C-alpha atoms as a PDB file:
ATOM      1  CA  MET A   1     -15.073   4.481  14.222  1.00  0.00           C
ATOM      2  CA  ASP A   2     -14.734   4.413  10.452  1.00  0.00           C
ATOM      3  CA  ALA A   3     -15.120   0.964   8.909  1.00  0.00           C
ATOM      4  CA  TRP A   4     -12.389  -0.458   6.733  1.00  0.00           C
ATOM      5  CA  ASP A   5     -12.989   0.356   3.073  1.00  0.00           C
ATOM      6  CA  PHE A   6     -12.736  -3.310   2.030  1.00  0.00           C
ATOM      7  CA  SER A   7     -12.841  -6.658   3.797  1.00  0.00           C
ATOM      8  CA  GLU A   8      -9.804  -8.410   5.241  1.00  0.00           C
ATOM      9  CA  PRO A   9      -7.190  -5.641   5.346  1.00  0.00           C
ATOM     10  CA  PHE A  10      -3.564  -6.312   6.097  1.00  0.00           C
ATOM     11  CA  VAL A  11      -2.954  -3.952   9.028  1.00  0.00           C
ATOM     12  CA  HIS A  12       0.346  -2.453  10.132  1.00  0.00           C
ATOM     13  CA  THR A  13       0.346  -0.201  13.208  1.00  0.00           C
ATOM     14  CA  VAL A  14       2.718   2.758  13.412  1.00  0.00           C
ATOM     15  CA  ALA A  15       3.486   5.128  16.257  1.00  0.00           C
ATOM     16  CA  VAL A  16       3.711   8.768  15.248  1.00  0.00           C
ATOM     17  CA  THR A  17       6.975  10.168  16.552  1.00  0.00           C
ATOM     18  CA  GLN A  18       8.090  13.773  16.675  1.00  0.00           C
ATOM     19  CA  ASP A  19      10.324  13.363  13.615  1.00  0.00           C
ATOM     20  CA  ALA A  20       7.173  12.748  11.511  1.00  0.00           C
ATOM     21  CA  ILE A  21       5.763  16.164  12.395  1.00  0.00           C
ATOM     22  CA  ASP A  22       6.144  19.158  10.057  1.00  0.00           C
ATOM     23  CA  VAL A  23       6.142  22.900  10.724  1.00  0.00           C
ATOM     24  CA  MET A  24       2.329  22.866  10.735  1.00  0.00           C
ATOM     25  CA  GLY A  25       2.377  20.620  13.809  1.00  0.00           C
ATOM     26  CA  HIS A  26       0.922  17.478  12.208  1.00  0.00           C
ATOM     27  CA  VAL A  27       2.240  14.463  10.290  1.00  0.00           C
ATOM     28  CA  ASN A  28       4.039  15.505   7.122  1.00  0.00           C
ATOM     29  CA  ASN A  29       2.432  14.257   3.917  1.00  0.00           C
ATOM     30  CA  VAL A  30       5.620  12.532   2.769  1.00  0.00           C
ATOM     31  CA  ARG A  31       5.692  10.446   5.948  1.00  0.00           C
ATOM     32  CA  TYR A  32       2.315   8.972   5.033  1.00  0.00           C
ATOM     33  CA  LEU A  33       3.743   7.831   1.711  1.00  0.00           C
ATOM     34  CA  ASN A  34       6.582   6.128   3.604  1.00  0.00           C
ATOM     35  CA  TRP A  35       4.082   4.302   5.805  1.00  0.00           C
ATOM     36  CA  LEU A  36       1.970   3.243   2.817  1.00  0.00           C
ATOM     37  CA  GLU A  37       4.995   1.786   1.081  1.00  0.00           C
ATOM     38  CA  GLU A  38       6.127   0.090   4.292  1.00  0.00           C
ATOM     39  CA  ALA A  39       2.688  -1.522   4.716  1.00  0.00           C
ATOM     40  CA  ALA A  40       2.716  -2.649   1.067  1.00  0.00           C
ATOM     41  CA  TRP A  41       6.094  -4.315   1.496  1.00  0.00           C
ATOM     42  CA  LEU A  42       5.098  -5.992   4.779  1.00  0.00           C
ATOM     43  CA  HIS A  43       1.904  -7.258   3.149  1.00  0.00           C
ATOM     44  CA  SER A  44       3.857  -8.604   0.178  1.00  0.00           C
ATOM     45  CA  GLN A  45       6.152 -10.450   2.596  1.00  0.00           C
ATOM     46  CA  ALA A  46       3.142 -11.833   4.489  1.00  0.00           C
ATOM     47  CA  LEU A  47       1.869 -13.201   1.162  1.00  0.00           C
ATOM     48  CA  GLY A  48       5.170 -15.060   0.737  1.00  0.00           C
ATOM     49  CA  LEU A  49       6.532 -12.559  -1.780  1.00  0.00           C
ATOM     50  CA  GLY A  50       9.618 -11.215  -0.039  1.00  0.00           C
ATOM     51  CA  TRP A  51      12.847 -10.027  -1.591  1.00  0.00           C
ATOM     52  CA  ALA A  52      14.334 -13.528  -1.871  1.00  0.00           C
ATOM     53  CA  VAL A  53      11.332 -14.658  -3.954  1.00  0.00           C
ATOM     54  CA  TYR A  54      11.546 -11.543  -6.135  1.00  0.00           C
ATOM     55  CA  GLN A  55      15.225 -12.302  -6.756  1.00  0.00           C
ATOM     56  CA  GLU A  56      14.484 -15.948  -7.545  1.00  0.00           C
ATOM     57  CA  LEU A  57      11.801 -14.895 -10.033  1.00  0.00           C
ATOM     58  CA  GLY A  58      13.942 -12.055 -11.398  1.00  0.00           C
ATOM     59  CA  CYS A  59      10.891  -9.843 -11.155  1.00  0.00           C
ATOM     60  CA  GLY A  60       9.495  -7.210  -8.808  1.00  0.00           C
ATOM     61  CA  VAL A  61       7.102  -4.294  -8.814  1.00  0.00           C
ATOM     62  CA  VAL A  62       7.743  -0.558  -8.873  1.00  0.00           C
ATOM     63  CA  ALA A  63       5.344   2.307  -8.283  1.00  0.00           C
ATOM     64  CA  GLN A  64       3.969   3.975 -11.396  1.00  0.00           C
ATOM     65  CA  ARG A  65       1.403   6.232  -9.756  1.00  0.00           C
ATOM     66  CA  HIS A  66       0.378   7.238  -6.224  1.00  0.00           C
ATOM     67  CA  GLU A  67      -2.860   8.957  -5.243  1.00  0.00           C
ATOM     68  CA  ILE A  68      -3.287  10.129  -1.659  1.00  0.00           C
ATOM     69  CA  ASP A  69      -6.210  11.933  -0.047  1.00  0.00           C
ATOM     70  CA  TYR A  70      -5.444  13.608   3.281  1.00  0.00           C
ATOM     71  CA  LEU A  71      -8.659  13.620   5.305  1.00  0.00           C
ATOM     72  CA  ALA A  72      -7.706  14.387   8.920  1.00  0.00           C
ATOM     73  CA  PRO A  73      -4.471  15.300  10.697  1.00  0.00           C
ATOM     74  CA  ALA A  74      -2.466  13.009  12.944  1.00  0.00           C
ATOM     75  CA  PHE A  75      -0.112  14.203  15.652  1.00  0.00           C
ATOM     76  CA  ALA A  76       2.922  13.097  17.662  1.00  0.00           C
ATOM     77  CA  GLY A  77       1.891  10.381  20.080  1.00  0.00           C
ATOM     78  CA  ASP A  78      -0.925   9.050  17.885  1.00  0.00           C
ATOM     79  CA  ALA A  79      -1.024   5.391  16.940  1.00  0.00           C
ATOM     80  CA  LEU A  80      -2.148   4.762  13.369  1.00  0.00           C
ATOM     81  CA  GLU A  81      -3.406   1.620  11.662  1.00  0.00           C
ATOM     82  CA  VAL A  82      -2.289   1.398   8.054  1.00  0.00           C
ATOM     83  CA  GLY A  83      -4.617  -0.994   6.251  1.00  0.00           C
ATOM     84  CA  THR A  84      -3.789  -2.188   2.750  1.00  0.00           C
ATOM     85  CA  TRP A  85      -5.245  -4.454   0.120  1.00  0.00           C
ATOM     86  CA  CYS A  86      -4.227  -5.656  -3.301  1.00  0.00           C
ATOM     87  CA  THR A  87      -7.373  -4.573  -5.091  1.00  0.00           C
ATOM     88  CA  GLY A  88      -6.791  -5.906  -8.562  1.00  0.00           C
ATOM     89  CA  HIS A  89      -4.357  -6.669 -11.350  1.00  0.00           C
ATOM     90  CA  ASP A  90      -4.464  -7.248 -15.058  1.00  0.00           C
ATOM     91  CA  GLY A  91      -2.477 -10.513 -14.896  1.00  0.00           C
ATOM     92  CA  ARG A  92       0.133  -8.931 -17.126  1.00  0.00           C
ATOM     93  CA  LEU A  93       1.884  -5.785 -15.909  1.00  0.00           C
ATOM     94  CA  ARG A  94      -0.206  -3.759 -13.489  1.00  0.00           C
ATOM     95  CA  LEU A  95      -1.269  -4.253  -9.902  1.00  0.00           C
ATOM     96  CA  ARG A  96      -3.437  -1.851  -7.888  1.00  0.00           C
ATOM     97  CA  ARG A  97      -3.182  -1.483  -4.119  1.00  0.00           C
ATOM     98  CA  HIS A  98      -5.444   0.566  -1.854  1.00  0.00           C
ATOM     99  CA  TYR A  99      -4.615   1.976   1.578  1.00  0.00           C
ATOM    100  CA  GLN A 100      -6.538   3.417   4.499  1.00  0.00           C
ATOM    101  CA  VAL A 101      -4.904   4.999   7.547  1.00  0.00           C
ATOM    102  CA  ARG A 102      -6.998   5.188  10.709  1.00  0.00           C
ATOM    103  CA  ARG A 103      -6.178   6.849  14.018  1.00  0.00           C
ATOM    104  CA  VAL A 104      -6.433   4.152  16.717  1.00  0.00           C
ATOM    105  CA  ALA A 105      -7.792   6.452  19.437  1.00  0.00           C
ATOM    106  CA  ASP A 106     -11.020   7.321  17.628  1.00  0.00           C
ATOM    107  CA  GLY A 107     -11.003   5.159  14.491  1.00  0.00           C
ATOM    108  CA  ARG A 108     -11.118   8.194  12.226  1.00  0.00           C
ATOM    109  CA  THR A 109      -9.712   7.775   8.734  1.00  0.00           C
ATOM    110  CA  CYS A 110      -6.832  10.204   8.228  1.00  0.00           C
ATOM    111  CA  VAL A 111      -5.670   9.096   4.773  1.00  0.00           C
ATOM    112  CA  ARG A 112      -6.899   7.075   1.828  1.00  0.00           C
ATOM    113  CA  GLY A 113      -4.692   6.232  -1.095  1.00  0.00           C
ATOM    114  CA  GLN A 114      -3.860   3.901  -3.886  1.00  0.00           C
ATOM    115  CA  THR A 115      -0.814   2.938  -5.872  1.00  0.00           C
ATOM    116  CA  LEU A 116      -0.533   1.504  -9.339  1.00  0.00           C
ATOM    117  CA  TRP A 117       2.438  -0.858  -9.383  1.00  0.00           C
ATOM    118  CA  VAL A 118       4.115  -2.199 -12.524  1.00  0.00           C
ATOM    119  CA  SER A 119       5.863  -5.537 -12.805  1.00  0.00           C
ATOM    120  CA  VAL A 120       9.502  -5.139 -13.888  1.00  0.00           C
ATOM    121  CA  ASP A 121      12.512  -7.267 -14.676  1.00  0.00           C
ATOM    122  CA  LEU A 122      14.984  -6.849 -11.805  1.00  0.00           C
ATOM    123  CA  ARG A 123      18.028  -6.786 -14.076  1.00  0.00           C
ATOM    124  CA  SER A 124      16.886  -4.367 -16.748  1.00  0.00           C
ATOM    125  CA  GLY A 125      14.249  -2.410 -14.835  1.00  0.00           C
ATOM    126  CA  ARG A 126      11.987  -2.718 -17.878  1.00  0.00           C
ATOM    127  CA  PRO A 127       8.334  -3.767 -17.691  1.00  0.00           C
ATOM    128  CA  ARG A 128       7.900  -7.521 -17.680  1.00  0.00           C
ATOM    129  CA  ARG A 129       4.859  -9.765 -17.517  1.00  0.00           C
ATOM    130  CA  MET A 130       4.144 -10.594 -13.893  1.00  0.00           C
ATOM    131  CA  PRO A 131       4.943 -14.127 -12.802  1.00  0.00           C
ATOM    132  CA  ALA A 132       1.971 -16.427 -12.234  1.00  0.00           C
ATOM    133  CA  LEU A 133       2.884 -16.408  -8.529  1.00  0.00           C
ATOM    134  CA  PHE A 134       2.144 -12.665  -8.355  1.00  0.00           C
ATOM    135  CA  ALA A 135      -1.255 -13.144  -9.979  1.00  0.00           C
ATOM    136  CA  GLU A 136      -2.013 -16.024  -7.574  1.00  0.00           C
ATOM    137  CA  ARG A 137      -1.000 -14.213  -4.374  1.00  0.00           C
ATOM    138  CA  PHE A 138      -2.047 -10.618  -5.070  1.00  0.00           C
ATOM    139  CA  VAL A 139      -5.763 -11.366  -4.873  1.00  0.00           C
ATOM    140  CA  ALA A 140      -8.386  -8.650  -4.427  1.00  0.00           C
ATOM    141  CA  PRO A 141     -11.001  -8.889  -1.685  1.00  0.00           C
ATOM    142  CA  PRO A 142     -14.489  -9.652  -3.018  1.00  0.00           C
ATOM    143  CA  ASP A 143     -15.725  -6.114  -2.298  1.00  0.00           C
ATOM    144  CA  ALA A 144     -12.934  -4.332  -4.205  1.00  0.00           C
ATOM    145  CA  PRO A 145     -13.913  -2.291  -7.268  1.00  0.00           C
ATOM    146  CA  PRO A 146     -13.215  -3.757 -10.723  1.00  0.00           C
ATOM    147  CA  PHE A 147      -9.635  -3.308 -11.894  1.00  0.00           C
ATOM    148  CA  ALA A 148      -9.374  -0.418 -14.328  1.00  0.00           C
ATOM    149  CA  PRO A 149      -6.073   1.385 -13.762  1.00  0.00           C
ATOM    150  CA  LYS A 150      -5.588   5.052 -14.545  1.00  0.00           C
ATOM    151  CA  ARG A 151      -2.626   5.664 -16.778  1.00  0.00           C
END
């Protein structure tokens, strides 16, 4: 079994259904992106940063950049654990999140990825300094790499 990349992941389990399978017979790459985003949103909610809070603050985050490495295939009937971590932020605009997707049956890592999120004003959609609440709640685990976002 592959260890989690960082300590204390937020874990969301998904069941691979036939509609996630592409013509090659394994999970389509776009489906992984859906699961990563779903895990990110569920983690945000678990941190007390759901949609109602975003609306109250007038601020949210949008993806600026995704990086995904596909390491092993997954198939219909597999159960997958999607682990995610907030792995750093600059306290101003950018927040980094890492992901790791493991197959439950054997613990093998199928996907690793990361997203660079940008804080935006909900009305204008323009970049906006993240609220202090974001900086307080989106805390990196102690074993995460230093925050240095790619642009």
